[in-house]
Amino acid sequence: MTDRDRRRAARRVDTFRCASCRLDVSLDAPGTTHRNHCPNCLTSRHVDQRRPGDRAADCGARMEPIAVSVRGDGEWILIHRCTGCDALSANRTAGDDNPLLLVRTAVRPLVMTPFPLEVLGQL
Protein backbone atom coordinates (compact mmCIF):
# COMPACT_ATOMS: atom_id res chain seq x y z
CA MET A 1 0.00 0.00 0.00
CA THR A 2 1.42 3.38 -0.99
CA ASP A 3 1.41 6.53 1.13
CA ARG A 4 -1.29 7.95 -1.13
CA ASP A 5 -3.49 4.89 -0.56
CA ARG A 6 -3.00 5.16 3.22
CA ARG A 7 -3.98 8.84 3.18
CA ARG A 8 -7.10 8.06 1.14
CA ALA A 9 -8.10 5.26 3.52
CA ALA A 10 -7.56 7.52 6.54
CA ARG A 11 -9.56 10.32 4.93
CA ARG A 12 -12.51 7.99 4.29
CA VAL A 13 -12.71 7.14 7.97
CA ASP A 14 -13.10 10.70 9.24
CA THR A 15 -14.46 12.58 6.19
CA PHE A 16 -16.95 12.21 3.39
CA ARG A 17 -17.23 13.91 0.01
CA CYS A 18 -20.40 15.95 -0.55
CA ALA A 19 -22.55 14.53 -3.34
CA SER A 20 -23.49 18.04 -4.46
CA CYS A 21 -20.62 20.52 -4.06
CA ARG A 22 -17.85 17.86 -3.78
CA LEU A 23 -16.38 19.38 -0.60
CA ASP A 24 -14.45 16.98 1.65
CA VAL A 25 -16.40 17.24 4.92
CA SER A 26 -15.12 16.27 8.35
CA LEU A 27 -17.37 13.98 10.40
CA ASP A 28 -16.55 16.13 13.44
CA ALA A 29 -19.26 18.76 13.80
CA PRO A 30 -19.81 21.30 16.54
CA GLY A 31 -23.17 20.76 18.24
CA THR A 32 -23.91 17.24 17.02
CA THR A 33 -22.40 13.76 17.23
CA HIS A 34 -23.66 12.57 13.82
CA ARG A 35 -22.73 14.89 10.96
CA ASN A 36 -24.81 13.74 8.02
CA HIS A 37 -24.89 16.77 5.74
CA CYS A 38 -22.48 19.16 4.11
CA PRO A 39 -22.02 22.40 6.08
CA ASN A 40 -21.37 24.28 2.83
CA CYS A 41 -24.49 23.40 0.78
CA LEU A 42 -26.56 21.46 3.42
CA THR A 43 -26.95 18.46 1.09
CA SER A 44 -27.04 14.96 2.56
CA ARG A 45 -27.12 11.39 1.23
CA HIS A 46 -29.87 8.84 1.94
CA VAL A 47 -27.93 6.18 3.84
CA ASP A 48 -29.69 5.89 7.22
CA GLN A 49 -33.08 4.28 7.62
CA ARG A 50 -34.28 4.26 11.23
CA ARG A 51 -31.58 6.00 13.29
CA PRO A 52 -28.44 8.06 12.64
CA GLY A 53 -25.50 5.89 11.66
CA ASP A 54 -27.43 2.70 10.93
CA ARG A 55 -26.54 2.83 7.20
CA ALA A 56 -29.56 0.61 6.50
CA ALA A 57 -31.14 2.58 3.62
CA ASP A 58 -30.69 1.02 0.19
CA CYS A 59 -31.44 4.23 -1.73
CA GLY A 60 -28.18 6.18 -1.46
CA ALA A 61 -29.55 9.14 -3.45
CA ARG A 62 -28.90 12.80 -2.67
CA MET A 63 -31.07 14.44 -0.03
CA GLU A 64 -31.81 18.12 -0.57
CA PRO A 65 -32.60 20.59 2.22
CA ILE A 66 -36.23 21.71 1.86
CA ALA A 67 -37.17 23.28 5.20
CA VAL A 68 -36.11 24.22 8.70
CA SER A 69 -38.03 23.34 11.85
CA VAL A 70 -37.37 24.72 15.33
CA ARG A 71 -37.55 22.59 18.47
CA GLY A 72 -39.03 23.90 21.71
CA ASP A 73 -35.55 24.65 23.05
CA GLY A 74 -34.75 26.80 19.98
CA GLU A 75 -32.56 24.25 18.20
CA TRP A 76 -32.90 24.34 14.41
CA ILE A 77 -33.62 21.08 12.60
CA LEU A 78 -32.93 20.70 8.88
CA ILE A 79 -35.54 18.77 6.87
CA HIS A 80 -34.21 16.84 3.86
CA ARG A 81 -36.12 15.18 1.01
CA CYS A 82 -34.53 12.31 -0.89
CA THR A 83 -34.24 12.95 -4.64
CA GLY A 84 -34.53 9.21 -5.28
CA CYS A 85 -37.43 7.99 -3.16
CA ASP A 86 -38.95 11.22 -1.70
CA ALA A 87 -38.30 10.08 1.90
CA LEU A 88 -38.11 12.88 4.48
CA SER A 89 -35.65 13.09 7.35
CA ALA A 90 -35.01 15.54 10.16
CA ASN A 91 -31.39 16.32 11.01
CA ARG A 92 -29.82 18.51 13.69
CA THR A 93 -27.97 21.50 12.35
CA ALA A 94 -24.29 21.86 13.22
CA GLY A 95 -22.50 24.92 14.49
CA ASP A 96 -20.51 25.30 11.28
CA ASP A 97 -23.46 25.05 8.86
CA ASN A 98 -23.71 27.86 6.31
CA PRO A 99 -25.93 30.43 8.10
CA LEU A 100 -27.01 32.12 4.85
CA LEU A 101 -28.31 28.84 3.41
CA LEU A 102 -30.06 27.98 6.69
CA VAL A 103 -31.92 31.30 6.71
CA ARG A 104 -32.64 31.01 2.96
CA THR A 105 -34.14 27.57 3.56
CA ALA A 106 -36.17 28.85 6.52
CA VAL A 107 -37.74 31.75 4.59
CA ARG A 108 -38.31 29.87 1.32
CA PRO A 109 -42.03 29.27 2.09
CA LEU A 110 -42.50 33.02 2.58
CA VAL A 111 -40.77 33.88 -0.68
CA MET A 112 -42.25 31.09 -2.81
CA THR A 113 -45.84 31.01 -1.59
CA PRO A 114 -48.27 28.46 -3.06
CA PHE A 115 -50.78 31.26 -3.68
CA PRO A 116 -50.59 34.95 -4.66
CA LEU A 117 -49.93 37.16 -1.63
CA GLU A 118 -52.63 39.54 -2.85
CA VAL A 119 -55.19 36.95 -1.68
CA LEU A 120 -54.24 37.76 1.92
CA GLY A 121 -55.41 41.35 1.45
CA GLN A 122 -58.85 40.13 0.39
CA LEU A 123 -59.45 38.12 3.57
C-alpha atoms as a PDB file:
ATOM      1  CA  MET A   1       0.000   0.000   0.000  1.00  0.00           C
ATOM      2  CA  THR A   2       1.420   3.384  -0.991  1.00  0.00           C
ATOM      3  CA  ASP A   3       1.407   6.533   1.134  1.00  0.00           C
ATOM      4  CA  ARG A   4      -1.288   7.948  -1.132  1.00  0.00           C
ATOM      5  CA  ASP A   5      -3.494   4.885  -0.558  1.00  0.00           C
ATOM      6  CA  ARG A   6      -3.003   5.156   3.220  1.00  0.00           C
ATOM      7  CA  ARG A   7      -3.977   8.841   3.175  1.00  0.00           C
ATOM      8  CA  ARG A   8      -7.103   8.056   1.138  1.00  0.00           C
ATOM      9  CA  ALA A   9      -8.098   5.264   3.516  1.00  0.00           C
ATOM     10  CA  ALA A  10      -7.555   7.518   6.541  1.00  0.00           C
ATOM     11  CA  ARG A  11      -9.559  10.320   4.926  1.00  0.00           C
ATOM     12  CA  ARG A  12     -12.506   7.993   4.287  1.00  0.00           C
ATOM     13  CA  VAL A  13     -12.709   7.136   7.972  1.00  0.00           C
ATOM     14  CA  ASP A  14     -13.104  10.703   9.239  1.00  0.00           C
ATOM     15  CA  THR A  15     -14.457  12.578   6.190  1.00  0.00           C
ATOM     16  CA  PHE A  16     -16.950  12.212   3.387  1.00  0.00           C
ATOM     17  CA  ARG A  17     -17.232  13.911   0.012  1.00  0.00           C
ATOM     18  CA  CYS A  18     -20.396  15.955  -0.553  1.00  0.00           C
ATOM     19  CA  ALA A  19     -22.553  14.529  -3.343  1.00  0.00           C
ATOM     20  CA  SER A  20     -23.493  18.036  -4.462  1.00  0.00           C
ATOM     21  CA  CYS A  21     -20.619  20.519  -4.058  1.00  0.00           C
ATOM     22  CA  ARG A  22     -17.853  17.859  -3.781  1.00  0.00           C
ATOM     23  CA  LEU A  23     -16.380  19.383  -0.598  1.00  0.00           C
ATOM     24  CA  ASP A  24     -14.454  16.976   1.646  1.00  0.00           C
ATOM     25  CA  VAL A  25     -16.398  17.237   4.919  1.00  0.00           C
ATOM     26  CA  SER A  26     -15.118  16.268   8.352  1.00  0.00           C
ATOM     27  CA  LEU A  27     -17.368  13.984  10.397  1.00  0.00           C
ATOM     28  CA  ASP A  28     -16.547  16.130  13.442  1.00  0.00           C
ATOM     29  CA  ALA A  29     -19.262  18.759  13.798  1.00  0.00           C
ATOM     30  CA  PRO A  30     -19.813  21.305  16.539  1.00  0.00           C
ATOM     31  CA  GLY A  31     -23.166  20.764  18.242  1.00  0.00           C
ATOM     32  CA  THR A  32     -23.908  17.240  17.018  1.00  0.00           C
ATOM     33  CA  THR A  33     -22.400  13.762  17.226  1.00  0.00           C
ATOM     34  CA  HIS A  34     -23.662  12.567  13.817  1.00  0.00           C
ATOM     35  CA  ARG A  35     -22.730  14.895  10.956  1.00  0.00           C
ATOM     36  CA  ASN A  36     -24.811  13.741   8.021  1.00  0.00           C
ATOM     37  CA  HIS A  37     -24.895  16.766   5.739  1.00  0.00           C
ATOM     38  CA  CYS A  38     -22.480  19.161   4.111  1.00  0.00           C
ATOM     39  CA  PRO A  39     -22.019  22.403   6.082  1.00  0.00           C
ATOM     40  CA  ASN A  40     -21.371  24.280   2.831  1.00  0.00           C
ATOM     41  CA  CYS A  41     -24.489  23.396   0.780  1.00  0.00           C
ATOM     42  CA  LEU A  42     -26.556  21.465   3.416  1.00  0.00           C
ATOM     43  CA  THR A  43     -26.954  18.459   1.086  1.00  0.00           C
ATOM     44  CA  SER A  44     -27.038  14.958   2.560  1.00  0.00           C
ATOM     45  CA  ARG A  45     -27.123  11.389   1.230  1.00  0.00           C
ATOM     46  CA  HIS A  46     -29.865   8.844   1.936  1.00  0.00           C
ATOM     47  CA  VAL A  47     -27.925   6.182   3.836  1.00  0.00           C
ATOM     48  CA  ASP A  48     -29.688   5.885   7.216  1.00  0.00           C
ATOM     49  CA  GLN A  49     -33.078   4.280   7.616  1.00  0.00           C
ATOM     50  CA  ARG A  50     -34.281   4.258  11.228  1.00  0.00           C
ATOM     51  CA  ARG A  51     -31.581   5.997  13.291  1.00  0.00           C
ATOM     52  CA  PRO A  52     -28.437   8.063  12.640  1.00  0.00           C
ATOM     53  CA  GLY A  53     -25.497   5.895  11.662  1.00  0.00           C
ATOM     54  CA  ASP A  54     -27.428   2.695  10.930  1.00  0.00           C
ATOM     55  CA  ARG A  55     -26.536   2.832   7.197  1.00  0.00           C
ATOM     56  CA  ALA A  56     -29.563   0.610   6.499  1.00  0.00           C
ATOM     57  CA  ALA A  57     -31.143   2.579   3.616  1.00  0.00           C
ATOM     58  CA  ASP A  58     -30.694   1.018   0.185  1.00  0.00           C
ATOM     59  CA  CYS A  59     -31.444   4.227  -1.726  1.00  0.00           C
ATOM     60  CA  GLY A  60     -28.182   6.179  -1.456  1.00  0.00           C
ATOM     61  CA  ALA A  61     -29.547   9.141  -3.455  1.00  0.00           C
ATOM     62  CA  ARG A  62     -28.903  12.805  -2.670  1.00  0.00           C
ATOM     63  CA  MET A  63     -31.066  14.440  -0.032  1.00  0.00           C
ATOM     64  CA  GLU A  64     -31.812  18.122  -0.570  1.00  0.00           C
ATOM     65  CA  PRO A  65     -32.605  20.588   2.220  1.00  0.00           C
ATOM     66  CA  ILE A  66     -36.227  21.709   1.861  1.00  0.00           C
ATOM     67  CA  ALA A  67     -37.174  23.279   5.197  1.00  0.00           C
ATOM     68  CA  VAL A  68     -36.113  24.221   8.703  1.00  0.00           C
ATOM     69  CA  SER A  69     -38.028  23.344  11.851  1.00  0.00           C
ATOM     70  CA  VAL A  70     -37.369  24.717  15.331  1.00  0.00           C
ATOM     71  CA  ARG A  71     -37.551  22.587  18.473  1.00  0.00           C
ATOM     72  CA  GLY A  72     -39.032  23.897  21.714  1.00  0.00           C
ATOM     73  CA  ASP A  73     -35.552  24.654  23.054  1.00  0.00           C
ATOM     74  CA  GLY A  74     -34.750  26.795  19.979  1.00  0.00           C
ATOM     75  CA  GLU A  75     -32.557  24.250  18.200  1.00  0.00           C
ATOM     76  CA  TRP A  76     -32.895  24.343  14.410  1.00  0.00           C
ATOM     77  CA  ILE A  77     -33.617  21.083  12.598  1.00  0.00           C
ATOM     78  CA  LEU A  78     -32.934  20.699   8.881  1.00  0.00           C
ATOM     79  CA  ILE A  79     -35.542  18.769   6.870  1.00  0.00           C
ATOM     80  CA  HIS A  80     -34.212  16.839   3.863  1.00  0.00           C
ATOM     81  CA  ARG A  81     -36.124  15.183   1.006  1.00  0.00           C
ATOM     82  CA  CYS A  82     -34.533  12.310  -0.895  1.00  0.00           C
ATOM     83  CA  THR A  83     -34.244  12.950  -4.637  1.00  0.00           C
ATOM     84  CA  GLY A  84     -34.528   9.206  -5.284  1.00  0.00           C
ATOM     85  CA  CYS A  85     -37.434   7.986  -3.159  1.00  0.00           C
ATOM     86  CA  ASP A  86     -38.954  11.217  -1.697  1.00  0.00           C
ATOM     87  CA  ALA A  87     -38.304  10.077   1.900  1.00  0.00           C
ATOM     88  CA  LEU A  88     -38.107  12.877   4.476  1.00  0.00           C
ATOM     89  CA  SER A  89     -35.652  13.087   7.349  1.00  0.00           C
ATOM     90  CA  ALA A  90     -35.010  15.536  10.159  1.00  0.00           C
ATOM     91  CA  ASN A  91     -31.388  16.325  11.013  1.00  0.00           C
ATOM     92  CA  ARG A  92     -29.825  18.505  13.685  1.00  0.00           C
ATOM     93  CA  THR A  93     -27.970  21.505  12.350  1.00  0.00           C
ATOM     94  CA  ALA A  94     -24.294  21.860  13.216  1.00  0.00           C
ATOM     95  CA  GLY A  95     -22.496  24.919  14.490  1.00  0.00           C
ATOM     96  CA  ASP A  96     -20.505  25.296  11.279  1.00  0.00           C
ATOM     97  CA  ASP A  97     -23.465  25.050   8.859  1.00  0.00           C
ATOM     98  CA  ASN A  98     -23.708  27.860   6.314  1.00  0.00           C
ATOM     99  CA  PRO A  99     -25.933  30.429   8.100  1.00  0.00           C
ATOM    100  CA  LEU A 100     -27.005  32.117   4.848  1.00  0.00           C
ATOM    101  CA  LEU A 101     -28.311  28.841   3.415  1.00  0.00           C
ATOM    102  CA  LEU A 102     -30.056  27.975   6.689  1.00  0.00           C
ATOM    103  CA  VAL A 103     -31.917  31.297   6.706  1.00  0.00           C
ATOM    104  CA  ARG A 104     -32.641  31.013   2.963  1.00  0.00           C
ATOM    105  CA  THR A 105     -34.143  27.566   3.559  1.00  0.00           C
ATOM    106  CA  ALA A 106     -36.170  28.846   6.517  1.00  0.00           C
ATOM    107  CA  VAL A 107     -37.741  31.749   4.590  1.00  0.00           C
ATOM    108  CA  ARG A 108     -38.308  29.868   1.325  1.00  0.00           C
ATOM    109  CA  PRO A 109     -42.033  29.272   2.087  1.00  0.00           C
ATOM    110  CA  LEU A 110     -42.496  33.021   2.580  1.00  0.00           C
ATOM    111  CA  VAL A 111     -40.775  33.884  -0.679  1.00  0.00           C
ATOM    112  CA  MET A 112     -42.252  31.089  -2.806  1.00  0.00           C
ATOM    113  CA  THR A 113     -45.841  31.008  -1.586  1.00  0.00           C
ATOM    114  CA  PRO A 114     -48.274  28.459  -3.058  1.00  0.00           C
ATOM    115  CA  PHE A 115     -50.779  31.264  -3.677  1.00  0.00           C
ATOM    116  CA  PRO A 116     -50.591  34.948  -4.663  1.00  0.00           C
ATOM    117  CA  LEU A 117     -49.927  37.160  -1.631  1.00  0.00           C
ATOM    118  CA  GLU A 118     -52.634  39.539  -2.850  1.00  0.00           C
ATOM    119  CA  VAL A 119     -55.191  36.948  -1.678  1.00  0.00           C
ATOM    120  CA  LEU A 120     -54.244  37.762   1.918  1.00  0.00           C
ATOM    121  CA  GLY A 121     -55.407  41.350   1.448  1.00  0.00           C
ATOM    122  CA  GLN A 122     -58.847  40.125   0.393  1.00  0.00           C
ATOM    123  CA  LEU A 123     -59.450  38.125   3.572  1.00  0.00           C
END
